[in-house]
N, C-alpha and C. Protein backbone atom coordinates (compact mmCIF):
# COMPACT_ATOMS: atom_id res chain seq x y z
N UNK A 1 12.91 6.10 -10.51
CA UNK A 1 11.88 5.93 -9.43
C UNK A 1 12.10 6.71 -8.02
N UNK A 2 11.11 7.03 -7.53
CA UNK A 2 11.25 7.93 -6.04
C UNK A 2 11.29 9.30 -6.27
N UNK A 3 11.28 10.01 -5.49
CA UNK A 3 11.11 11.52 -5.47
C UNK A 3 12.29 12.43 -5.26
N UNK A 4 13.37 11.97 -5.16
CA UNK A 4 14.60 12.64 -4.80
C UNK A 4 14.85 13.65 -6.07
N UNK A 5 14.78 13.17 -7.37
CA UNK A 5 15.01 14.08 -8.37
C UNK A 5 14.13 15.16 -8.33
N UNK A 6 12.97 15.17 -7.97
CA UNK A 6 11.61 16.05 -8.01
C UNK A 6 12.17 17.03 -6.97
N UNK A 7 12.90 16.66 -5.91
CA UNK A 7 13.10 17.57 -4.69
C UNK A 7 14.33 18.57 -5.23
N UNK A 8 15.22 18.06 -5.91
CA UNK A 8 16.14 18.80 -6.55
C UNK A 8 15.64 19.73 -7.65
N UNK A 9 14.68 19.64 -8.35
CA UNK A 9 14.23 20.13 -9.58
C UNK A 9 12.95 21.12 -9.23
N UNK A 10 12.31 20.85 -8.10
CA UNK A 10 10.94 21.27 -7.96
C UNK A 10 10.43 21.21 -6.49
N UNK A 11 11.14 21.98 -5.33
CA UNK A 11 10.99 21.52 -4.22
C UNK A 11 9.59 21.70 -3.79
N UNK A 12 8.70 22.71 -4.31
CA UNK A 12 7.24 23.01 -3.72
C UNK A 12 6.45 21.60 -4.32
N UNK A 13 6.74 21.33 -5.64
CA UNK A 13 6.04 20.03 -6.06
C UNK A 13 6.35 18.96 -5.35
N UNK A 14 7.60 18.64 -4.99
CA UNK A 14 8.06 17.62 -4.13
C UNK A 14 7.03 17.78 -2.66
N UNK A 15 7.04 18.84 -2.25
CA UNK A 15 6.44 18.87 -0.71
C UNK A 15 4.82 18.45 -1.00
N UNK A 16 4.23 18.94 -2.00
CA UNK A 16 2.88 18.77 -2.31
C UNK A 16 2.63 17.20 -2.71
N UNK A 17 3.58 16.69 -3.32
CA UNK A 17 3.52 15.33 -3.73
C UNK A 17 3.75 14.46 -2.52
N UNK A 18 4.73 14.79 -1.69
CA UNK A 18 5.21 13.98 -0.56
C UNK A 18 3.91 13.90 0.34
N UNK A 19 3.36 14.88 0.54
CA UNK A 19 2.23 14.82 1.37
C UNK A 19 0.92 13.98 0.75
N UNK A 20 0.79 14.18 -0.55
CA UNK A 20 -0.10 12.91 -1.19
C UNK A 20 0.18 11.79 -1.20
N UNK A 21 1.46 11.30 -1.10
CA UNK A 21 1.86 9.82 -1.15
C UNK A 21 1.83 9.41 0.25
N UNK A 22 2.29 10.24 1.26
CA UNK A 22 2.36 9.94 2.54
C UNK A 22 1.00 9.54 2.91
N UNK A 23 -0.13 10.25 2.69
CA UNK A 23 -1.27 9.82 2.78
C UNK A 23 -2.08 8.79 2.01
N UNK A 24 -1.36 8.49 1.05
CA UNK A 24 -1.72 7.07 0.35
C UNK A 24 -1.33 5.94 0.97
N UNK A 25 -0.16 5.96 1.74
CA UNK A 25 0.29 4.74 2.69
C UNK A 25 -0.42 4.76 3.84
N UNK A 26 -0.73 5.97 4.31
CA UNK A 26 -1.83 6.03 5.61
C UNK A 26 -3.05 5.46 5.33
N UNK A 27 -3.87 6.17 4.15
CA UNK A 27 -5.21 5.34 3.75
C UNK A 27 -5.12 3.85 3.46
N UNK A 28 -3.88 3.40 3.26
CA UNK A 28 -3.93 1.99 3.10
C UNK A 28 -4.05 1.14 4.43
N UNK A 29 -3.33 1.89 5.48
CA UNK A 29 -3.47 1.18 6.79
C UNK A 29 -4.65 1.34 7.47
N UNK A 30 -5.36 2.58 7.24
CA UNK A 30 -6.73 2.79 7.97
C UNK A 30 -7.70 1.88 7.11
N UNK A 31 -7.43 1.53 5.88
CA UNK A 31 -8.53 0.61 5.23
C UNK A 31 -8.28 -0.86 5.73
N UNK A 32 -7.26 -1.06 6.24
CA UNK A 32 -6.90 -2.50 7.03
C UNK A 32 -7.76 -2.44 8.24
N UNK A 33 -7.46 -1.33 8.99
CA UNK A 33 -8.42 -1.32 10.40
C UNK A 33 -9.65 -1.11 10.11
N UNK A 34 -10.23 -0.23 9.36
CA UNK A 34 -11.58 -0.17 9.17
C UNK A 34 -12.40 -1.40 8.62
N UNK A 35 -11.46 -2.17 7.74
CA UNK A 35 -12.26 -3.41 7.47
C UNK A 35 -12.17 -4.30 8.58
N UNK A 36 -11.22 -4.23 9.39
CA UNK A 36 -11.33 -5.46 10.53
C UNK A 36 -12.28 -4.95 11.32
N UNK A 37 -12.41 -3.59 11.64
CA UNK A 37 -13.77 -3.20 12.49
C UNK A 37 -15.02 -3.70 11.99
N UNK A 38 -15.15 -3.65 10.56
CA UNK A 38 -16.52 -4.16 9.92
C UNK A 38 -16.47 -5.72 10.39
N UNK A 39 -15.52 -6.56 10.54
CA UNK A 39 -15.49 -7.71 10.56
C UNK A 39 -15.63 -8.03 12.29
N UNK A 40 -15.67 -7.20 13.03
CA UNK A 40 -15.56 -7.19 14.49
C UNK A 40 -14.57 -7.11 15.33
N UNK A 41 -13.42 -6.74 14.85
CA UNK A 41 -12.36 -6.54 15.72
C UNK A 41 -12.21 -5.01 15.65
N UNK A 42 -12.12 -4.39 16.94
CA UNK A 42 -12.03 -3.04 17.17
C UNK A 42 -10.74 -2.31 17.68
N UNK A 43 -9.58 -3.54 17.61
CA UNK A 43 -8.34 -3.22 17.96
C UNK A 43 -7.58 -1.91 17.49
N UNK A 44 -7.80 -1.61 16.16
CA UNK A 44 -7.18 -0.63 15.47
C UNK A 44 -8.00 0.71 16.18
N UNK A 45 -9.33 0.59 16.38
CA UNK A 45 -10.01 1.71 16.86
C UNK A 45 -9.51 2.16 18.16
N UNK A 46 -9.35 1.07 19.18
CA UNK A 46 -9.13 1.24 20.48
C UNK A 46 -7.62 1.89 20.52
N UNK A 47 -6.61 1.60 19.56
CA UNK A 47 -5.35 2.09 19.62
C UNK A 47 -5.00 3.43 18.91
N UNK A 48 -6.28 3.92 18.34
CA UNK A 48 -6.36 5.30 17.91
C UNK A 48 -5.74 5.33 16.38
N UNK A 49 -5.65 4.11 15.85
CA UNK A 49 -5.15 3.97 14.48
C UNK A 49 -6.09 4.42 13.19
N UNK A 50 -7.53 4.65 13.52
CA UNK A 50 -8.40 4.97 12.47
C UNK A 50 -8.42 6.39 12.42
N UNK A 51 -7.44 7.15 12.48
CA UNK A 51 -7.25 8.57 12.35
C UNK A 51 -6.22 9.01 11.20
N UNK A 52 -6.62 10.05 10.90
CA UNK A 52 -5.78 10.83 9.57
C UNK A 52 -4.49 11.51 10.29
N UNK A 53 -4.37 11.32 11.59
CA UNK A 53 -3.20 12.10 12.01
C UNK A 53 -1.77 11.42 11.86
N UNK A 54 -1.11 11.95 10.79
CA UNK A 54 0.15 10.96 10.35
C UNK A 54 1.14 10.59 11.56
N UNK A 55 0.94 11.35 12.69
CA UNK A 55 2.00 10.73 13.75
C UNK A 55 1.67 9.39 14.29
N UNK A 56 0.44 9.08 14.25
CA UNK A 56 0.03 7.79 14.59
C UNK A 56 0.53 6.69 13.62
N UNK A 57 0.83 6.99 12.26
CA UNK A 57 0.98 6.19 11.20
C UNK A 57 2.45 5.97 10.59
N UNK A 58 3.01 7.18 10.63
CA UNK A 58 4.43 7.21 9.92
C UNK A 58 5.46 6.24 10.47
N UNK A 59 6.08 5.57 9.42
CA UNK A 59 7.15 4.67 9.85
C UNK A 59 8.40 5.19 9.29
N UNK A 60 9.51 5.63 10.09
CA UNK A 60 10.65 6.41 9.19
C UNK A 60 11.02 5.84 8.10
N UNK A 61 11.44 4.33 8.37
CA UNK A 61 11.90 3.54 7.30
C UNK A 61 11.17 3.31 5.95
N UNK A 62 9.87 3.10 6.30
CA UNK A 62 8.74 3.11 5.08
C UNK A 62 8.67 4.50 4.46
N UNK A 63 8.88 5.64 5.05
CA UNK A 63 8.63 6.65 4.34
C UNK A 63 9.78 7.20 3.58
N UNK A 64 11.18 6.65 4.18
CA UNK A 64 12.36 7.04 3.55
C UNK A 64 12.32 6.01 2.21
N UNK A 65 11.91 4.72 2.07
CA UNK A 65 11.74 4.00 1.06
C UNK A 65 10.84 4.71 0.00
N UNK A 66 9.54 5.16 0.54
CA UNK A 66 8.78 5.70 -0.54
C UNK A 66 9.20 6.84 -1.28
N UNK A 67 10.28 7.72 -0.63
CA UNK A 67 10.87 8.87 -1.53
C UNK A 67 12.04 8.47 -2.14
N UNK A 68 12.71 7.41 -1.68
CA UNK A 68 14.02 7.05 -2.24
C UNK A 68 13.64 5.94 -3.52
N UNK A 69 12.65 4.98 -3.38
CA UNK A 69 12.72 4.03 -4.53
C UNK A 69 11.05 3.92 -5.12
N UNK A 70 10.07 4.87 -4.33
CA UNK A 70 8.77 5.00 -4.95
C UNK A 70 7.78 3.97 -4.38
N UNK A 71 8.36 3.06 -3.29
CA UNK A 71 7.37 2.35 -2.73
C UNK A 71 7.84 2.11 -1.14
N UNK A 72 6.60 2.31 -0.28
CA UNK A 72 6.99 2.19 1.11
C UNK A 72 5.94 1.67 1.94
N UNK A 73 5.76 1.99 3.23
CA UNK A 73 4.85 1.64 4.12
C UNK A 73 4.54 2.62 5.30
N UNK A 74 3.52 2.45 5.83
CA UNK A 74 3.23 2.92 7.30
C UNK A 74 3.31 2.01 8.31
N UNK A 75 3.07 2.46 9.72
CA UNK A 75 3.23 1.38 10.59
C UNK A 75 1.83 0.53 10.47
N UNK A 76 2.09 -0.85 10.43
CA UNK A 76 0.95 -1.69 10.24
C UNK A 76 -0.11 -1.45 11.32
N UNK A 77 -1.33 -1.60 10.97
CA UNK A 77 -2.45 -1.50 11.71
C UNK A 77 -2.52 -2.59 12.79
N UNK A 78 -2.74 -2.42 13.95
CA UNK A 78 -2.91 -3.77 14.72
C UNK A 78 -4.15 -4.18 14.33
N UNK A 79 -4.33 -5.65 14.10
CA UNK A 79 -5.46 -6.57 13.97
C UNK A 79 -5.33 -7.79 14.74
N UNK A 80 -6.51 -8.04 15.56
CA UNK A 80 -6.43 -9.09 16.29
C UNK A 80 -7.45 -10.27 15.54
N UNK A 81 -6.90 -11.08 15.00
CA UNK A 81 -7.75 -12.15 13.84
C UNK A 81 -8.74 -13.02 15.17
N UNK A 82 -8.39 -13.14 16.34
CA UNK A 82 -9.28 -13.77 17.16
C UNK A 82 -10.64 -13.38 17.47
N UNK A 83 -10.67 -11.73 17.21
CA UNK A 83 -12.08 -11.19 17.16
C UNK A 83 -12.95 -11.13 16.01
N UNK A 84 -12.20 -11.65 14.78
CA UNK A 84 -12.79 -11.54 13.58
C UNK A 84 -13.86 -12.52 13.33
N UNK A 85 -14.89 -11.91 12.74
CA UNK A 85 -16.19 -13.18 12.50
C UNK A 85 -15.69 -13.47 11.06
N UNK A 86 -16.18 -14.81 10.99
CA UNK A 86 -16.01 -15.38 9.35
C UNK A 86 -14.44 -15.45 9.11
N UNK A 87 -13.63 -15.94 9.90
CA UNK A 87 -11.92 -15.58 10.11
C UNK A 87 -11.26 -15.66 8.69
N UNK A 88 -11.72 -16.58 7.70
CA UNK A 88 -11.02 -16.80 6.56
C UNK A 88 -11.33 -15.58 5.75
N UNK A 89 -12.48 -15.28 5.57
CA UNK A 89 -13.18 -14.30 4.64
C UNK A 89 -12.46 -12.92 5.07
N UNK A 90 -12.59 -12.75 6.39
CA UNK A 90 -12.04 -11.78 7.03
C UNK A 90 -10.65 -11.24 6.84
N UNK A 91 -9.83 -12.45 7.04
CA UNK A 91 -8.31 -12.26 6.83
C UNK A 91 -8.04 -11.82 5.21
N UNK A 92 -8.84 -12.37 4.33
CA UNK A 92 -8.88 -12.24 3.01
C UNK A 92 -9.06 -10.58 2.54
N UNK A 93 -10.30 -10.24 3.21
CA UNK A 93 -10.75 -8.75 3.01
C UNK A 93 -10.06 -7.70 3.71
N UNK A 94 -9.46 -7.95 4.84
CA UNK A 94 -8.63 -7.01 5.46
C UNK A 94 -7.22 -6.99 4.82
N UNK A 95 -6.73 -8.18 4.44
CA UNK A 95 -5.53 -7.79 3.57
C UNK A 95 -5.60 -7.11 2.26
N UNK A 96 -6.64 -7.42 1.70
CA UNK A 96 -6.87 -6.86 0.17
C UNK A 96 -7.12 -5.27 0.44
N UNK A 97 -7.92 -5.00 1.42
CA UNK A 97 -8.42 -3.69 1.51
C UNK A 97 -7.30 -2.48 1.30
N UNK A 98 -6.01 -2.85 1.98
CA UNK A 98 -4.90 -1.85 1.72
C UNK A 98 -4.58 -1.57 0.20
N UNK A 99 -4.35 -3.00 -0.44
CA UNK A 99 -4.17 -2.69 -1.96
C UNK A 99 -5.15 -2.17 -2.68
N UNK A 100 -6.42 -2.35 -2.40
CA UNK A 100 -7.56 -1.94 -3.08
C UNK A 100 -7.53 -0.40 -2.87
N UNK A 101 -7.41 0.10 -1.71
CA UNK A 101 -7.46 1.51 -1.61
C UNK A 101 -6.25 2.17 -2.54
N UNK A 102 -5.23 1.90 -2.56
CA UNK A 102 -4.30 2.39 -3.50
C UNK A 102 -4.51 2.35 -4.85
N UNK A 103 -5.08 1.15 -5.44
CA UNK A 103 -5.55 0.89 -6.59
C UNK A 103 -6.83 1.94 -6.99
N UNK A 104 -7.79 2.22 -5.84
CA UNK A 104 -8.68 3.06 -6.00
C UNK A 104 -8.32 4.55 -6.30
N UNK A 105 -7.25 4.82 -5.32
CA UNK A 105 -6.49 6.18 -5.26
C UNK A 105 -5.88 6.45 -6.98
N UNK A 106 -5.36 5.46 -7.36
CA UNK A 106 -4.86 5.49 -8.88
C UNK A 106 -6.03 5.90 -9.94
N UNK A 107 -7.21 5.03 -9.57
CA UNK A 107 -8.18 4.99 -10.37
C UNK A 107 -8.90 6.59 -10.57
N UNK A 108 -9.22 7.04 -9.45
CA UNK A 108 -9.70 8.22 -9.24
C UNK A 108 -8.76 9.41 -9.83
N UNK A 109 -7.66 9.22 -9.37
CA UNK A 109 -6.68 10.44 -10.11
C UNK A 109 -6.55 10.14 -11.70
N UNK A 110 -6.66 8.95 -11.96
CA UNK A 110 -6.78 8.81 -13.75
C UNK A 110 -7.62 9.34 -14.24
N UNK A 111 -8.94 9.17 -13.56
CA UNK A 111 -10.36 9.64 -13.98
C UNK A 111 -10.26 11.29 -14.18
N UNK A 112 -9.48 11.97 -13.15
CA UNK A 112 -9.47 13.54 -13.40
C UNK A 112 -8.61 13.83 -14.32
N UNK A 113 -7.35 12.72 -14.68
CA UNK A 113 -6.46 13.12 -15.68
C UNK A 113 -7.06 13.07 -16.96
N UNK A 114 -7.97 12.06 -17.03
CA UNK A 114 -8.62 11.82 -18.54
C UNK A 114 -9.77 12.62 -18.77
N UNK A 115 -10.16 13.23 -17.73
CA UNK A 115 -11.53 14.00 -17.74
C UNK A 115 -11.68 15.20 -18.78
N UNK A 116 -10.42 15.73 -18.91
CA UNK A 116 -10.35 17.12 -19.97
C UNK A 116 -10.58 18.20 -18.87
N UNK A 117 -10.78 18.02 -17.60
CA UNK A 117 -10.89 19.12 -16.62
C UNK A 117 -9.64 19.70 -16.43
N UNK A 118 -8.39 18.96 -16.53
CA UNK A 118 -7.13 19.65 -15.80
C UNK A 118 -6.13 19.78 -17.32
N UNK A 119 -5.59 20.82 -17.40
CA UNK A 119 -4.59 20.92 -18.34
C UNK A 119 -3.38 19.92 -18.28
N UNK A 120 -3.22 19.07 -19.40
CA UNK A 120 -2.16 18.07 -19.37
C UNK A 120 -0.87 18.54 -19.32
N UNK A 121 -0.70 20.06 -19.49
CA UNK A 121 0.80 20.49 -19.18
C UNK A 121 0.93 21.17 -17.78
N UNK A 122 -0.09 21.10 -17.21
CA UNK A 122 0.02 22.00 -15.60
C UNK A 122 0.73 20.73 -14.68
N UNK A 123 1.02 21.60 -13.41
CA UNK A 123 1.82 21.20 -12.52
C UNK A 123 0.89 20.19 -11.88
N UNK A 124 -0.35 20.26 -11.79
CA UNK A 124 -1.58 19.52 -11.06
C UNK A 124 -1.55 18.25 -11.99
N UNK A 125 -1.45 18.26 -13.26
CA UNK A 125 -1.51 17.10 -13.92
C UNK A 125 -0.20 16.27 -13.82
N UNK A 126 0.86 16.80 -13.74
CA UNK A 126 2.05 16.10 -13.45
C UNK A 126 2.16 15.39 -12.05
N UNK A 127 1.54 15.98 -11.04
CA UNK A 127 1.42 15.35 -9.56
C UNK A 127 0.53 14.42 -9.76
N UNK A 128 -0.77 14.64 -10.42
CA UNK A 128 -1.68 13.39 -10.40
C UNK A 128 -1.17 12.33 -11.19
N UNK A 129 -0.37 12.46 -12.37
CA UNK A 129 0.25 11.31 -12.86
C UNK A 129 1.30 10.68 -11.95
N UNK A 130 1.94 11.55 -11.15
CA UNK A 130 2.85 10.75 -10.19
C UNK A 130 2.34 9.76 -9.21
N UNK A 131 0.97 10.63 -8.65
CA UNK A 131 0.44 9.92 -7.56
C UNK A 131 -0.41 8.64 -8.25
N UNK A 132 -0.91 8.62 -9.45
CA UNK A 132 -1.26 7.19 -10.19
C UNK A 132 0.01 6.08 -10.15
N UNK A 133 1.22 6.64 -10.63
CA UNK A 133 2.13 5.86 -11.05
C UNK A 133 2.58 5.22 -9.53
N UNK A 134 2.43 5.96 -8.40
CA UNK A 134 3.25 5.31 -7.12
C UNK A 134 2.19 4.67 -6.40
N UNK A 135 1.20 4.87 -6.45
CA UNK A 135 -0.05 4.17 -5.88
C UNK A 135 -0.22 2.90 -6.64
N UNK A 136 -0.16 2.65 -7.83
CA UNK A 136 0.08 1.60 -8.60
C UNK A 136 1.10 0.57 -8.17
N UNK A 137 2.17 1.20 -7.87
CA UNK A 137 3.38 0.47 -7.31
C UNK A 137 3.02 0.16 -6.02
N UNK A 138 2.48 1.05 -5.10
CA UNK A 138 2.23 0.69 -3.87
C UNK A 138 1.37 -0.40 -3.64
N UNK A 139 0.30 -0.45 -4.55
CA UNK A 139 -0.57 -1.65 -4.58
C UNK A 139 -0.10 -2.72 -5.22
N UNK A 140 0.79 -2.80 -6.15
CA UNK A 140 1.41 -4.11 -6.58
C UNK A 140 2.27 -4.71 -5.71
N UNK A 141 3.27 -3.78 -5.00
CA UNK A 141 4.39 -4.19 -4.19
C UNK A 141 3.66 -4.76 -2.86
N UNK A 142 2.71 -4.32 -2.38
CA UNK A 142 1.88 -5.05 -1.24
C UNK A 142 1.20 -6.47 -1.57
N UNK A 143 0.76 -6.60 -2.79
CA UNK A 143 0.41 -7.82 -3.20
C UNK A 143 1.30 -9.12 -3.36
N UNK A 144 2.64 -8.60 -3.18
CA UNK A 144 3.65 -9.67 -2.94
C UNK A 144 3.39 -10.69 -1.99
N UNK A 145 3.54 -12.07 -2.33
CA UNK A 145 3.04 -12.92 -1.07
C UNK A 145 4.38 -13.37 -0.38
N UNK A 146 5.03 -12.20 0.32
CA UNK A 146 5.94 -12.35 1.43
C UNK A 146 5.61 -11.65 2.54
N UNK A 147 5.83 -12.32 3.71
CA UNK A 147 5.43 -11.43 5.04
C UNK A 147 6.43 -10.69 5.23
N UNK A 148 5.86 -9.20 5.60
CA UNK A 148 4.63 -8.90 6.30
C UNK A 148 3.59 -8.26 5.46
N UNK A 149 3.83 -8.46 3.87
CA UNK A 149 3.19 -7.76 3.05
C UNK A 149 1.76 -8.35 2.97
N UNK A 150 0.75 -7.73 2.36
CA UNK A 150 -0.68 -8.13 2.27
C UNK A 150 -0.89 -9.40 1.61
N UNK A 151 -0.07 -9.55 0.38
CA UNK A 151 -0.08 -10.77 -0.61
C UNK A 151 -0.14 -11.87 0.44
N UNK A 152 0.91 -11.85 1.40
CA UNK A 152 1.08 -13.13 2.37
C UNK A 152 -0.15 -13.59 2.89
N UNK A 153 -0.73 -12.68 3.47
CA UNK A 153 -2.23 -12.74 4.26
C UNK A 153 -3.25 -13.21 3.31
N UNK A 154 -3.31 -12.89 2.21
CA UNK A 154 -4.17 -13.09 1.08
C UNK A 154 -4.06 -14.55 0.86
N UNK A 155 -2.78 -14.88 0.66
CA UNK A 155 -2.59 -16.42 0.46
C UNK A 155 -2.90 -17.33 1.56
N UNK A 156 -2.59 -16.56 2.78
CA UNK A 156 -2.93 -17.44 4.01
C UNK A 156 -4.28 -17.62 4.17
N UNK A 157 -5.15 -16.86 3.71
CA UNK A 157 -6.62 -16.82 3.88
C UNK A 157 -7.12 -18.16 3.13
N UNK A 158 -6.44 -18.76 2.03
CA UNK A 158 -6.63 -19.81 1.32
C UNK A 158 -5.96 -21.02 2.03
N UNK A 159 -5.15 -21.12 3.17
CA UNK A 159 -4.43 -22.18 3.44
C UNK A 159 -4.97 -22.81 4.86
N UNK A 160 -4.69 -24.07 5.03
CA UNK A 160 -4.81 -24.61 6.49
C UNK A 160 -4.29 -23.84 7.29
N UNK A 161 -4.83 -23.80 8.70
CA UNK A 161 -4.21 -23.04 9.92
C UNK A 161 -2.84 -23.45 10.18
N UNK A 162 -2.54 -24.60 10.19
CA UNK A 162 -1.21 -25.09 10.35
C UNK A 162 -0.17 -24.30 9.47
N UNK A 163 -0.63 -24.16 8.16
CA UNK A 163 0.49 -23.52 7.30
C UNK A 163 0.31 -21.90 7.64
N UNK A 164 -0.68 -21.44 7.96
CA UNK A 164 -0.85 -19.96 8.10
C UNK A 164 0.14 -19.54 9.57
N UNK A 165 0.21 -20.43 10.29
CA UNK A 165 0.89 -20.13 11.67
C UNK A 165 2.55 -20.33 11.20
N UNK A 166 2.92 -21.17 10.33
CA UNK A 166 4.26 -21.51 9.89
C UNK A 166 4.59 -19.93 9.15
N UNK A 167 3.78 -19.55 8.25
CA UNK A 167 3.96 -18.19 7.28
C UNK A 167 4.09 -16.86 8.27
N UNK A 168 3.06 -17.18 9.44
CA UNK A 168 3.05 -15.83 10.13
C UNK A 168 4.41 -15.70 11.28
N UNK A 169 5.14 -16.92 11.26
CA UNK A 169 6.33 -16.83 12.10
C UNK A 169 7.47 -16.29 11.31
N UNK A 170 7.11 -16.08 10.12
CA UNK A 170 8.35 -15.43 9.33
C UNK A 170 8.14 -13.99 9.40
N UNK A 171 7.17 -13.34 9.96
CA UNK A 171 6.76 -11.98 9.90
C UNK A 171 7.91 -11.15 10.53
N UNK A 172 8.52 -11.44 11.78
CA UNK A 172 9.55 -10.61 12.33
C UNK A 172 10.95 -10.52 11.55
N UNK A 173 11.11 -11.21 10.50
CA UNK A 173 12.19 -11.44 9.64
C UNK A 173 11.92 -10.88 8.33
N UNK A 174 10.46 -10.63 8.02
CA UNK A 174 9.96 -10.10 6.72
C UNK A 174 10.51 -9.04 6.19
N UNK A 175 10.79 -7.95 7.08
CA UNK A 175 11.32 -6.57 6.64
C UNK A 175 12.83 -6.84 6.23
N UNK A 176 13.43 -7.41 6.87
CA UNK A 176 15.00 -7.56 6.33
C UNK A 176 14.97 -8.44 5.10
N UNK A 177 14.25 -9.51 5.09
CA UNK A 177 14.15 -10.37 3.90
C UNK A 177 13.81 -9.31 2.48
N UNK A 178 12.83 -8.45 2.86
CA UNK A 178 12.31 -7.79 1.72
C UNK A 178 13.53 -6.58 1.30
N UNK A 179 14.08 -6.09 2.25
CA UNK A 179 15.16 -5.14 1.97
C UNK A 179 16.37 -5.77 1.16
N UNK A 180 16.66 -6.81 1.42
CA UNK A 180 17.71 -7.39 0.80
C UNK A 180 17.25 -8.00 -0.67
N UNK A 181 16.16 -8.23 -0.82
CA UNK A 181 15.59 -8.71 -2.02
C UNK A 181 15.45 -7.49 -2.97
N UNK A 182 14.78 -6.48 -2.32
CA UNK A 182 14.56 -4.97 -2.97
C UNK A 182 16.16 -4.50 -3.79
N UNK A 183 17.00 -4.55 -2.61
CA UNK A 183 18.33 -3.93 -3.10
C UNK A 183 19.33 -5.00 -3.95
N UNK A 184 18.88 -6.22 -3.86
CA UNK A 184 19.73 -7.00 -4.91
C UNK A 184 19.11 -7.08 -6.15
N UNK A 185 17.89 -6.72 -6.30
CA UNK A 185 16.98 -6.83 -7.30
C UNK A 185 16.60 -7.95 -7.71
N UNK A 186 16.60 -8.93 -6.63
CA UNK A 186 15.82 -10.50 -6.70
C UNK A 186 14.17 -10.34 -6.86
N UNK A 187 13.87 -9.19 -6.37
CA UNK A 187 12.34 -8.81 -6.11
C UNK A 187 11.85 -8.42 -7.49
N UNK A 188 12.68 -7.80 -8.22
CA UNK A 188 12.22 -7.05 -9.36
C UNK A 188 11.39 -7.91 -10.34
N UNK A 189 11.45 -9.09 -10.70
CA UNK A 189 10.61 -10.02 -11.53
C UNK A 189 9.09 -10.09 -10.87
N UNK A 190 9.08 -10.31 -9.70
CA UNK A 190 7.87 -10.38 -8.97
C UNK A 190 7.19 -9.10 -8.93
N UNK A 191 7.84 -7.98 -8.91
CA UNK A 191 7.22 -6.61 -8.95
C UNK A 191 6.64 -6.39 -10.16
N UNK A 192 7.23 -6.71 -11.15
CA UNK A 192 6.70 -6.58 -12.47
C UNK A 192 5.48 -7.43 -12.90
N UNK A 193 5.59 -8.61 -12.24
CA UNK A 193 4.32 -9.56 -12.41
C UNK A 193 3.16 -8.91 -11.71
N UNK A 194 3.38 -8.35 -10.60
CA UNK A 194 2.29 -7.80 -9.89
C UNK A 194 1.77 -6.34 -10.57
N UNK A 195 2.76 -5.55 -10.96
CA UNK A 195 2.48 -4.35 -11.89
C UNK A 195 1.64 -4.71 -12.92
N UNK A 196 2.02 -5.76 -13.72
CA UNK A 196 1.13 -6.15 -14.82
C UNK A 196 -0.23 -6.38 -14.50
N UNK A 197 -0.55 -7.17 -13.18
CA UNK A 197 -1.69 -7.32 -12.75
C UNK A 197 -2.50 -6.23 -12.39
N UNK A 198 -1.95 -5.16 -11.60
CA UNK A 198 -2.49 -3.96 -11.30
C UNK A 198 -3.05 -3.36 -12.41
N UNK A 199 -2.07 -3.17 -13.64
CA UNK A 199 -2.28 -2.47 -14.70
C UNK A 199 -3.71 -2.94 -15.43
N UNK A 200 -3.59 -4.22 -15.44
CA UNK A 200 -4.67 -4.96 -16.04
C UNK A 200 -6.00 -4.58 -15.49
N UNK A 201 -6.07 -4.49 -14.24
CA UNK A 201 -7.13 -4.43 -13.39
C UNK A 201 -7.67 -2.99 -13.68
N UNK A 202 -6.84 -2.07 -13.78
CA UNK A 202 -7.04 -0.56 -13.87
C UNK A 202 -7.64 -0.33 -15.37
N UNK A 203 -6.99 -1.21 -16.38
CA UNK A 203 -7.41 -1.18 -17.76
C UNK A 203 -8.75 -1.37 -18.03
N UNK A 204 -9.41 -2.14 -17.06
CA UNK A 204 -10.87 -2.48 -17.15
C UNK A 204 -11.64 -1.31 -16.99
N UNK A 205 -11.08 -0.18 -16.50
CA UNK A 205 -12.10 1.15 -16.12
C UNK A 205 -11.68 2.16 -17.13
N UNK A 206 -10.68 1.85 -18.07
CA UNK A 206 -10.27 3.15 -18.93
C UNK A 206 -10.06 2.43 -20.13
């Protein structure tokens, strides 16, 4: 898992795929901000986060994780839930939109792979296959219900406000918890469950 072996074997393909994967996580975050904007919160827009400029989005640790282990993140888009209309539905949609974006990228890439328009032995086919795989991983990883991942906010949208606040308090420590769980392998079973869920969803289209 990860792109380091590709860097050693084919540096040019690594650069192209790194660009595509970087924008996979950027589009993930833009989706959060755009969906929040649809529900009445323009915080991401005011902070200049609805842009494709990577400088506004790249998180060094998240980018490194993407290349090392195959899943990572960009800087979280700021969302002020106070301004969201229909707060519970908005929380659910804003949280889900990022994962949905990655799954959509995987579906579009799979469509081109299966369309017969691309030589299955070509470098483009190899890059699309890798793009599918890592976007599925990104979508599945972010569905895990551990703060600050999107899955925690999806769960929060169904909980009473008091429980929402308790879960939200874990967010400052969430990244450290996640890194420990990832590198100890304790998160692997949950990742596999989410991967099966996402593969099942994509299987509905193919």
